[in-house]
PDB file of all heavy atoms in Angstrom:
ATOM      1  N   PHE A   1    -131.663  46.264-100.578  1.00  0.00           N
ATOM      2  CA  PHE A   1    -131.073  45.895 -99.358  1.00  0.00           C
ATOM      3  C   PHE A   1    -132.150  45.806 -98.300  1.00  0.00           C
ATOM      4  O   PHE A   1    -132.750  46.818 -97.915  1.00  0.00           O
ATOM      5  CB  PHE A   1    -129.974  46.860 -98.883  1.00  0.00           C
ATOM      6  CG  PHE A   1    -129.279  46.480 -97.624  1.00  0.00           C
ATOM      7  CD1 PHE A   1    -128.188  45.626 -97.690  1.00  0.00           C
ATOM      8  CD2 PHE A   1    -129.655  47.047 -96.459  1.00  0.00           C
ATOM      9  CE1 PHE A   1    -127.546  45.258 -96.550  1.00  0.00           C
ATOM     10  CE2 PHE A   1    -128.971  46.657 -95.272  1.00  0.00           C
ATOM     11  CZ  PHE A   1    -127.883  45.784 -95.384  1.00  0.00           C
ATOM     12  N   GLY A   2    -132.368  44.569 -97.803  1.00  0.00           N
ATOM     13  CA  GLY A   2    -133.327  44.322 -96.803  1.00  0.00           C
ATOM     14  C   GLY A   2    -132.709  43.940 -95.474  1.00  0.00           C
ATOM     15  O   GLY A   2    -131.982  42.961 -95.432  1.00  0.00           O
ATOM     16  N   ASP A   3    -132.871  44.669 -94.393  1.00  0.00           N
ATOM     17  CA  ASP A   3    -132.250  44.353 -93.094  1.00  0.00           C
ATOM     18  C   ASP A   3    -133.028  43.400 -92.315  1.00  0.00           C
ATOM     19  O   ASP A   3    -133.521  43.695 -91.208  1.00  0.00           O
ATOM     20  CB  ASP A   3    -131.931  45.693 -92.343  1.00  0.00           C
ATOM     21  CG  ASP A   3    -131.077  45.449 -91.101  1.00  0.00           C
ATOM     22  OD1 ASP A   3    -130.466  44.330 -91.062  1.00  0.00           O
ATOM     23  OD2 ASP A   3    -131.041  46.375 -90.252  1.00  0.00           O
ATOM     24  N   THR A   4    -133.186  42.235 -92.836  1.00  0.00           N
ATOM     25  CA  THR A   4    -134.015  41.219 -92.137  1.00  0.00           C
ATOM     26  C   THR A   4    -133.552  40.802 -90.790  1.00  0.00           C
ATOM     27  O   THR A   4    -134.262  40.292 -89.950  1.00  0.00           O
ATOM     28  CB  THR A   4    -134.103  39.913 -93.014  1.00  0.00           C
ATOM     29  OG1 THR A   4    -132.763  39.603 -93.539  1.00  0.00           O
ATOM     30  CG2 THR A   4    -135.040  40.181 -94.249  1.00  0.00           C
ATOM     31  N   LYS A   5    -132.298  41.001 -90.581  1.00  0.00           N
ATOM     32  CA  LYS A   5    -131.600  40.628 -89.281  1.00  0.00           C
ATOM     33  C   LYS A   5    -132.161  41.467 -88.100  1.00  0.00           C
ATOM     34  O   LYS A   5    -132.325  41.007 -86.950  1.00  0.00           O
ATOM     35  CB  LYS A   5    -130.040  40.779 -89.359  1.00  0.00           C
ATOM     36  CG  LYS A   5    -129.351  40.388 -88.025  1.00  0.00           C
ATOM     37  CD  LYS A   5    -127.865  40.524 -88.171  1.00  0.00           C
ATOM     38  CE  LYS A   5    -127.125  40.136 -86.962  1.00  0.00           C
ATOM     39  NZ  LYS A   5    -125.687  40.223 -87.139  1.00  0.00           N
ATOM     40  N   HIS A   6    -132.570  42.721 -88.387  1.00  0.00           N
ATOM     41  CA  HIS A   6    -132.936  43.588 -87.325  1.00  0.00           C
ATOM     42  C   HIS A   6    -134.428  43.944 -87.395  1.00  0.00           C
ATOM     43  O   HIS A   6    -134.851  44.815 -86.577  1.00  0.00           O
ATOM     44  CB  HIS A   6    -132.135  44.844 -87.390  1.00  0.00           C
ATOM     45  CG  HIS A   6    -130.603  44.622 -87.156  1.00  0.00           C
ATOM     46  ND1 HIS A   6    -129.701  44.842 -88.114  1.00  0.00           N
ATOM     47  CD2 HIS A   6    -129.978  44.158 -86.057  1.00  0.00           C
ATOM     48  CE1 HIS A   6    -128.502  44.551 -87.643  1.00  0.00           C
ATOM     49  NE2 HIS A   6    -128.669  44.122 -86.409  1.00  0.00           N
ATOM     50  N   LEU A   7    -135.241  43.340 -88.198  1.00  0.00           N
ATOM     51  CA  LEU A   7    -136.671  43.719 -88.222  1.00  0.00           C
ATOM     52  C   LEU A   7    -137.324  43.167 -87.021  1.00  0.00           C
ATOM     53  O   LEU A   7    -136.865  42.310 -86.398  1.00  0.00           O
ATOM     54  CB  LEU A   7    -137.235  43.110 -89.532  1.00  0.00           C
ATOM     55  CG  LEU A   7    -137.338  41.608 -89.681  1.00  0.00           C
ATOM     56  CD1 LEU A   7    -138.608  41.085 -89.037  1.00  0.00           C
ATOM     57  CD2 LEU A   7    -137.387  41.228 -91.213  1.00  0.00           C
ATOM     58  N   PRO A   8    -138.547  43.799 -86.668  1.00  0.00           N
ATOM     59  CA  PRO A   8    -139.081  44.973 -87.284  1.00  0.00           C
ATOM     60  C   PRO A   8    -138.563  46.306 -86.710  1.00  0.00           C
ATOM     61  O   PRO A   8    -138.308  46.428 -85.557  1.00  0.00           O
ATOM     62  CB  PRO A   8    -140.502  44.847 -86.921  1.00  0.00           C
ATOM     63  CG  PRO A   8    -140.551  44.158 -85.586  1.00  0.00           C
ATOM     64  CD  PRO A   8    -139.355  43.173 -85.654  1.00  0.00           C
ATOM     65  N   TYR A   9    -138.282  47.270 -87.606  1.00  0.00           N
ATOM     66  CA  TYR A   9    -137.819  48.520 -87.118  1.00  0.00           C
ATOM     67  C   TYR A   9    -138.921  49.370 -86.354  1.00  0.00           C
ATOM     68  O   TYR A   9    -138.592  50.193 -85.508  1.00  0.00           O
ATOM     69  CB  TYR A   9    -137.397  49.431 -88.381  1.00  0.00           C
ATOM     70  CG  TYR A   9    -136.048  49.163 -88.911  1.00  0.00           C
ATOM     71  CD1 TYR A   9    -135.360  48.032 -88.665  1.00  0.00           C
ATOM     72  CD2 TYR A   9    -135.415  50.115 -89.674  1.00  0.00           C
ATOM     73  CE1 TYR A   9    -134.152  47.767 -89.219  1.00  0.00           C
ATOM     74  CE2 TYR A   9    -134.237  49.915 -90.203  1.00  0.00           C
ATOM     75  CZ  TYR A   9    -133.552  48.709 -89.985  1.00  0.00           C
ATOM     76  OH  TYR A   9    -132.324  48.499 -90.593  1.00  0.00           O
ATOM     77  N   GLY A  10    -140.105  48.984 -86.547  1.00  0.00           N
ATOM     78  CA  GLY A  10    -141.257  49.749 -86.037  1.00  0.00           C
ATOM     79  C   GLY A  10    -141.255  49.701 -84.457  1.00  0.00           C
ATOM     80  O   GLY A  10    -141.965  50.397 -83.869  1.00  0.00           O
ATOM     81  N   GLU A  11    -140.559  48.725 -83.862  1.00  0.00           N
ATOM     82  CA  GLU A  11    -140.577  48.633 -82.415  1.00  0.00           C
ATOM     83  C   GLU A  11    -139.086  48.927 -81.826  1.00  0.00           C
ATOM     84  O   GLU A  11    -138.894  48.779 -80.620  1.00  0.00           O
ATOM     85  CB  GLU A  11    -140.994  47.221 -82.001  1.00  0.00           C
ATOM     86  CG  GLU A  11    -142.330  46.921 -82.460  1.00  0.00           C
ATOM     87  CD  GLU A  11    -142.770  45.539 -82.143  1.00  0.00           C
ATOM     88  OE1 GLU A  11    -141.982  44.790 -81.399  1.00  0.00           O
ATOM     89  OE2 GLU A  11    -143.860  45.060 -82.592  1.00  0.00           O
ATOM     90  N   LYS A  12    -138.267  49.427 -82.668  1.00  0.00           N
ATOM     91  CA  LYS A  12    -136.903  49.767 -82.248  1.00  0.00           C
ATOM     92  C   LYS A  12    -136.837  51.181 -81.839  1.00  0.00           C
ATOM     93  O   LYS A  12    -137.661  52.089 -82.032  1.00  0.00           O
ATOM     94  CB  LYS A  12    -135.882  49.565 -83.372  1.00  0.00           C
ATOM     95  CG  LYS A  12    -135.796  48.174 -83.906  1.00  0.00           C
ATOM     96  CD  LYS A  12    -135.090  47.303 -82.920  1.00  0.00           C
ATOM     97  CE  LYS A  12    -134.714  45.905 -83.519  1.00  0.00           C
ATOM     98  NZ  LYS A  12    -135.755  45.029 -83.923  1.00  0.00           N
ATOM     99  N   THR A  13    -135.709  51.552 -81.031  1.00  0.00           N
ATOM    100  CA  THR A  13    -135.480  52.957 -80.651  1.00  0.00           C
ATOM    101  C   THR A  13    -135.039  53.734 -81.838  1.00  0.00           C
ATOM    102  O   THR A  13    -134.494  53.238 -82.923  1.00  0.00           O
ATOM    103  CB  THR A  13    -134.500  53.116 -79.532  1.00  0.00           C
ATOM    104  OG1 THR A  13    -133.183  52.624 -80.035  1.00  0.00           O
ATOM    105  CG2 THR A  13    -134.829  52.217 -78.302  1.00  0.00           C
ATOM    106  N   ALA A  14    -135.191  55.083 -81.780  1.00  0.00           N
ATOM    107  CA  ALA A  14    -134.730  55.915 -82.944  1.00  0.00           C
ATOM    108  C   ALA A  14    -133.265  55.764 -83.082  1.00  0.00           C
ATOM    109  O   ALA A  14    -132.794  55.771 -84.196  1.00  0.00           O
ATOM    110  CB  ALA A  14    -135.118  57.358 -82.600  1.00  0.00           C
ATOM    111  N   GLY A  15    -132.500  55.608 -81.994  1.00  0.00           N
ATOM    112  CA  GLY A  15    -131.006  55.423 -82.142  1.00  0.00           C
ATOM    113  C   GLY A  15    -130.690  54.201 -82.917  1.00  0.00           C
ATOM    114  O   GLY A  15    -129.677  54.200 -83.717  1.00  0.00           O
ATOM    115  N   HIS A  16    -131.377  53.102 -82.622  1.00  0.00           N
ATOM    116  CA  HIS A  16    -131.113  51.789 -83.291  1.00  0.00           C
ATOM    117  C   HIS A  16    -131.443  51.964 -84.787  1.00  0.00           C
ATOM    118  O   HIS A  16    -130.707  51.531 -85.681  1.00  0.00           O
ATOM    119  CB  HIS A  16    -131.814  50.691 -82.640  1.00  0.00           C
ATOM    120  CG  HIS A  16    -131.105  50.138 -81.422  1.00  0.00           C
ATOM    121  ND1 HIS A  16    -131.662  50.308 -80.169  1.00  0.00           N
ATOM    122  CD2 HIS A  16    -129.960  49.430 -81.301  1.00  0.00           C
ATOM    123  CE1 HIS A  16    -130.854  49.802 -79.296  1.00  0.00           C
ATOM    124  NE2 HIS A  16    -129.850  49.277 -79.898  1.00  0.00           N
ATOM    125  N   ILE A  17    -132.605  52.626 -85.032  1.00  0.00           N
ATOM    126  CA  ILE A  17    -133.053  52.715 -86.417  1.00  0.00           C
ATOM    127  C   ILE A  17    -132.056  53.564 -87.185  1.00  0.00           C
ATOM    128  O   ILE A  17    -131.705  53.260 -88.391  1.00  0.00           O
ATOM    129  CB  ILE A  17    -134.454  53.312 -86.484  1.00  0.00           C
ATOM    130  CG1 ILE A  17    -135.519  52.382 -85.885  1.00  0.00           C
ATOM    131  CG2 ILE A  17    -134.850  53.649 -87.932  1.00  0.00           C
ATOM    132  CD1 ILE A  17    -136.863  52.954 -85.671  1.00  0.00           C
ATOM    133  N   LEU A  18    -131.551  54.681 -86.631  1.00  0.00           N
ATOM    134  CA  LEU A  18    -130.586  55.463 -87.333  1.00  0.00           C
ATOM    135  C   LEU A  18    -129.292  54.674 -87.656  1.00  0.00           C
ATOM    136  O   LEU A  18    -128.759  54.811 -88.693  1.00  0.00           O
ATOM    137  CB  LEU A  18    -130.289  56.668 -86.447  1.00  0.00           C
ATOM    138  CG  LEU A  18    -129.223  57.673 -87.078  1.00  0.00           C
ATOM    139  CD1 LEU A  18    -129.716  58.194 -88.487  1.00  0.00           C
ATOM    140  CD2 LEU A  18    -128.986  58.806 -86.174  1.00  0.00           C
ATOM    141  N   LYS A  19    -128.847  53.932 -86.582  1.00  0.00           N
ATOM    142  CA  LYS A  19    -127.583  53.143 -86.861  1.00  0.00           C
ATOM    143  C   LYS A  19    -127.764  52.184 -87.944  1.00  0.00           C
ATOM    144  O   LYS A  19    -126.945  52.125 -88.886  1.00  0.00           O
ATOM    145  CB  LYS A  19    -127.219  52.422 -85.491  1.00  0.00           C
ATOM    146  CG  LYS A  19    -125.934  51.543 -85.752  1.00  0.00           C
ATOM    147  CD  LYS A  19    -125.752  50.674 -84.499  1.00  0.00           C
ATOM    148  CE  LYS A  19    -124.473  49.803 -84.714  1.00  0.00           C
ATOM    149  NZ  LYS A  19    -124.505  48.894 -85.894  1.00  0.00           N
ATOM    150  N   TYR A  20    -128.788  51.405 -87.897  1.00  0.00           N
ATOM    151  CA  TYR A  20    -129.065  50.414 -89.018  1.00  0.00           C
ATOM    152  C   TYR A  20    -129.215  51.086 -90.402  1.00  0.00           C
ATOM    153  O   TYR A  20    -128.748  50.583 -91.370  1.00  0.00           O
ATOM    154  CB  TYR A  20    -130.355  49.519 -88.622  1.00  0.00           C
ATOM    155  CG  TYR A  20    -130.277  48.796 -87.347  1.00  0.00           C
ATOM    156  CD1 TYR A  20    -131.381  48.648 -86.619  1.00  0.00           C
ATOM    157  CD2 TYR A  20    -129.043  48.313 -86.803  1.00  0.00           C
ATOM    158  CE1 TYR A  20    -131.342  47.918 -85.346  1.00  0.00           C
ATOM    159  CE2 TYR A  20    -129.011  47.671 -85.621  1.00  0.00           C
ATOM    160  CZ  TYR A  20    -130.091  47.468 -84.863  1.00  0.00           C
ATOM    161  OH  TYR A  20    -130.123  46.755 -83.689  1.00  0.00           O
ATOM    162  N   THR A  21    -129.912  52.159 -90.413  1.00  0.00           N
ATOM    163  CA  THR A  21    -130.157  52.841 -91.629  1.00  0.00           C
ATOM    164  C   THR A  21    -128.904  53.404 -92.221  1.00  0.00           C
ATOM    165  O   THR A  21    -128.612  53.357 -93.424  1.00  0.00           O
ATOM    166  CB  THR A  21    -131.243  53.928 -91.496  1.00  0.00           C
ATOM    167  OG1 THR A  21    -132.406  53.355 -91.052  1.00  0.00           O
ATOM    168  CG2 THR A  21    -131.503  54.652 -92.814  1.00  0.00           C
ATOM    169  N   LEU A  22    -128.036  53.996 -91.391  1.00  0.00           N
ATOM    170  CA  LEU A  22    -126.727  54.433 -91.815  1.00  0.00           C
ATOM    171  C   LEU A  22    -125.881  53.394 -92.398  1.00  0.00           C
ATOM    172  O   LEU A  22    -125.189  53.535 -93.397  1.00  0.00           O
ATOM    173  CB  LEU A  22    -126.024  55.193 -90.645  1.00  0.00           C
ATOM    174  CG  LEU A  22    -126.550  56.577 -90.308  1.00  0.00           C
ATOM    175  CD1 LEU A  22    -125.896  57.019 -89.058  1.00  0.00           C
ATOM    176  CD2 LEU A  22    -126.251  57.585 -91.455  1.00  0.00           C
ATOM    177  N   ASP A  23    -125.907  52.188 -91.739  1.00  0.00           N
ATOM    178  CA  ASP A  23    -125.187  51.001 -92.261  1.00  0.00           C
ATOM    179  C   ASP A  23    -125.705  50.659 -93.627  1.00  0.00           C
ATOM    180  O   ASP A  23    -124.910  50.348 -94.571  1.00  0.00           O
ATOM    181  CB  ASP A  23    -125.338  49.826 -91.330  1.00  0.00           C
ATOM    182  CG  ASP A  23    -124.607  50.017 -90.030  1.00  0.00           C
ATOM    183  OD1 ASP A  23    -123.637  50.892 -89.997  1.00  0.00           O
ATOM    184  OD2 ASP A  23    -124.905  49.276 -89.083  1.00  0.00           O
ATOM    185  N   ALA A  24    -127.005  50.684 -93.794  1.00  0.00           N
ATOM    186  CA  ALA A  24    -127.562  50.400 -95.160  1.00  0.00           C
ATOM    187  C   ALA A  24    -127.216  51.373 -96.215  1.00  0.00           C
ATOM    188  O   ALA A  24    -127.008  51.031 -97.350  1.00  0.00           O
ATOM    189  CB  ALA A  24    -129.104  50.284 -95.031  1.00  0.00           C
ATOM    190  N   MET A  25    -127.261  52.681 -95.851  1.00  0.00           N
ATOM    191  CA  MET A  25    -126.865  53.743 -96.802  1.00  0.00           C
ATOM    192  C   MET A  25    -125.418  53.579 -97.281  1.00  0.00           C
ATOM    193  O   MET A  25    -125.108  53.711 -98.441  1.00  0.00           O
ATOM    194  CB  MET A  25    -127.042  55.065 -96.216  1.00  0.00           C
ATOM    195  CG  MET A  25    -128.487  55.509 -95.800  1.00  0.00           C
ATOM    196  SD  MET A  25    -129.645  55.406 -97.143  1.00  0.00           S
ATOM    197  CE  MET A  25    -130.487  53.910 -96.843  1.00  0.00           C
ATOM    198  N   ARG A  26    -124.494  53.269 -96.367  1.00  0.00           N
ATOM    199  CA  ARG A  26    -123.117  53.034 -96.705  1.00  0.00           C
ATOM    200  C   ARG A  26    -122.945  51.853 -97.586  1.00  0.00           C
ATOM    201  O   ARG A  26    -122.251  51.842 -98.559  1.00  0.00           O
ATOM    202  CB  ARG A  26    -122.231  52.832 -95.428  1.00  0.00           C
ATOM    203  CG  ARG A  26    -122.238  54.113 -94.504  1.00  0.00           C
ATOM    204  CD  ARG A  26    -121.251  53.947 -93.357  1.00  0.00           C
ATOM    205  NE  ARG A  26    -121.281  55.080 -92.580  1.00  0.00           N
ATOM    206  CZ  ARG A  26    -121.918  55.139 -91.391  1.00  0.00           C
ATOM    207  NH1 ARG A  26    -122.516  54.124 -90.983  1.00  0.00           N
ATOM    208  NH2 ARG A  26    -121.804  56.304 -90.620  1.00  0.00           N
ATOM    209  N   PHE A  27    -123.673  50.813 -97.333  1.00  0.00           N
ATOM    210  CA  PHE A  27    -123.671  49.567 -98.238  1.00  0.00           C
ATOM    211  C   PHE A  27    -124.067  49.919 -99.638  1.00  0.00           C
ATOM    212  O   PHE A  27    -123.456  49.544-100.595  1.00  0.00           O
ATOM    213  CB  PHE A  27    -124.593  48.472 -97.646  1.00  0.00           C
ATOM    214  CG  PHE A  27    -124.698  47.287 -98.582  1.00  0.00           C
ATOM    215  CD1 PHE A  27    -123.732  46.275 -98.598  1.00  0.00           C
ATOM    216  CD2 PHE A  27    -125.795  47.138 -99.392  1.00  0.00           C
ATOM    217  CE1 PHE A  27    -123.820  45.261 -99.452  1.00  0.00           C
ATOM    218  CE2 PHE A  27    -125.909  45.986-100.242  1.00  0.00           C
ATOM    219  CZ  PHE A  27    -124.937  45.089-100.283  1.00  0.00           C
ATOM    220  N   LEU A  28    -125.239  50.605 -99.748  1.00  0.00           N
ATOM    221  CA  LEU A  28    -125.825  50.927-101.146  1.00  0.00           C
ATOM    222  C   LEU A  28    -124.909  51.877-101.841  1.00  0.00           C
ATOM    223  O   LEU A  28    -124.695  51.811-102.990  1.00  0.00           O
ATOM    224  CB  LEU A  28    -127.192  51.485-100.919  1.00  0.00           C
ATOM    225  CG  LEU A  28    -128.272  50.453-100.424  1.00  0.00           C
ATOM    226  CD1 LEU A  28    -129.619  51.102-100.190  1.00  0.00           C
ATOM    227  CD2 LEU A  28    -128.463  49.426-101.583  1.00  0.00           C
ATOM    228  N   ILE A  29    -124.336  52.831-101.097  1.00  0.00           N
ATOM    229  CA  ILE A  29    -123.407  53.758-101.721  1.00  0.00           C
ATOM    230  C   ILE A  29    -122.180  53.041-102.271  1.00  0.00           C
ATOM    231  O   ILE A  29    -121.701  53.289-103.404  1.00  0.00           O
ATOM    232  CB  ILE A  29    -122.978  54.914-100.742  1.00  0.00           C
ATOM    233  CG1 ILE A  29    -124.160  55.808-100.521  1.00  0.00           C
ATOM    234  CG2 ILE A  29    -121.801  55.664-101.299  1.00  0.00           C
ATOM    235  CD1 ILE A  29    -123.949  56.726 -99.367  1.00  0.00           C
ATOM    236  N   ASN A  30    -121.670  51.988-101.562  1.00  0.00           N
ATOM    237  CA  ASN A  30    -120.577  51.231-101.967  1.00  0.00           C
ATOM    238  C   ASN A  30    -120.957  50.252-103.112  1.00  0.00           C
ATOM    239  O   ASN A  30    -120.102  49.827-103.878  1.00  0.00           O
ATOM    240  CB  ASN A  30    -120.098  50.407-100.839  1.00  0.00           C
ATOM    241  CG  ASN A  30    -119.292  51.126 -99.751  1.00  0.00           C
ATOM    242  OD1 ASN A  30    -118.779  52.204-100.103  1.00  0.00           O
ATOM    243  ND2 ASN A  30    -119.230  50.632 -98.530  1.00  0.00           N
ATOM    244  N   GLN A  31    -122.227  50.130-103.389  1.00  0.00           N
ATOM    245  CA  GLN A  31    -122.705  49.368-104.470  1.00  0.00           C
ATOM    246  C   GLN A  31    -122.947  50.266-105.742  1.00  0.00           C
ATOM    247  O   GLN A  31    -123.650  49.908-106.668  1.00  0.00           O
ATOM    248  CB  GLN A  31    -124.020  48.662-104.092  1.00  0.00           C
ATOM    249  CG  GLN A  31    -123.897  47.556-103.100  1.00  0.00           C
ATOM    250  CD  GLN A  31    -123.013  46.371-103.516  1.00  0.00           C
ATOM    251  OE1 GLN A  31    -123.204  45.875-104.690  1.00  0.00           O
ATOM    252  NE2 GLN A  31    -122.072  45.929-102.750  1.00  0.00           N
ATOM    253  N   ASP A  32    -122.500  51.449-105.644  1.00  0.00           N
ATOM    254  CA  ASP A  32    -122.610  52.522-106.712  1.00  0.00           C
ATOM    255  C   ASP A  32    -123.982  52.972-106.941  1.00  0.00           C
ATOM    256  O   ASP A  32    -124.379  53.334-108.149  1.00  0.00           O
ATOM    257  CB  ASP A  32    -122.052  51.878-108.068  1.00  0.00           C
ATOM    258  CG  ASP A  32    -120.543  51.679-107.946  1.00  0.00           C
ATOM    259  OD1 ASP A  32    -119.792  52.428-107.281  1.00  0.00           O
ATOM    260  OD2 ASP A  32    -120.108  50.602-108.627  1.00  0.00           O
ATOM    261  N   CYS A  33    -124.794  53.074-105.915  1.00  0.00           N
ATOM    262  CA  CYS A  33    -126.139  53.641-106.035  1.00  0.00           C
ATOM    263  C   CYS A  33    -126.032  55.186-105.916  1.00  0.00           C
ATOM    264  O   CYS A  33    -125.453  55.810-104.995  1.00  0.00           O
ATOM    265  CB  CYS A  33    -127.047  53.159-104.820  1.00  0.00           C
ATOM    266  SG  CYS A  33    -127.393  51.379-105.048  1.00  0.00           S
TER     267      CYS A  33
END
């Protein structure tokens, strides 16, 4: 899962990075990871 819509994370706030990462974790868990 690559979050190309919100890159680069390296210039985002910690709050935004956490939100995007949590969304990615939920997606991957729903994909049976």
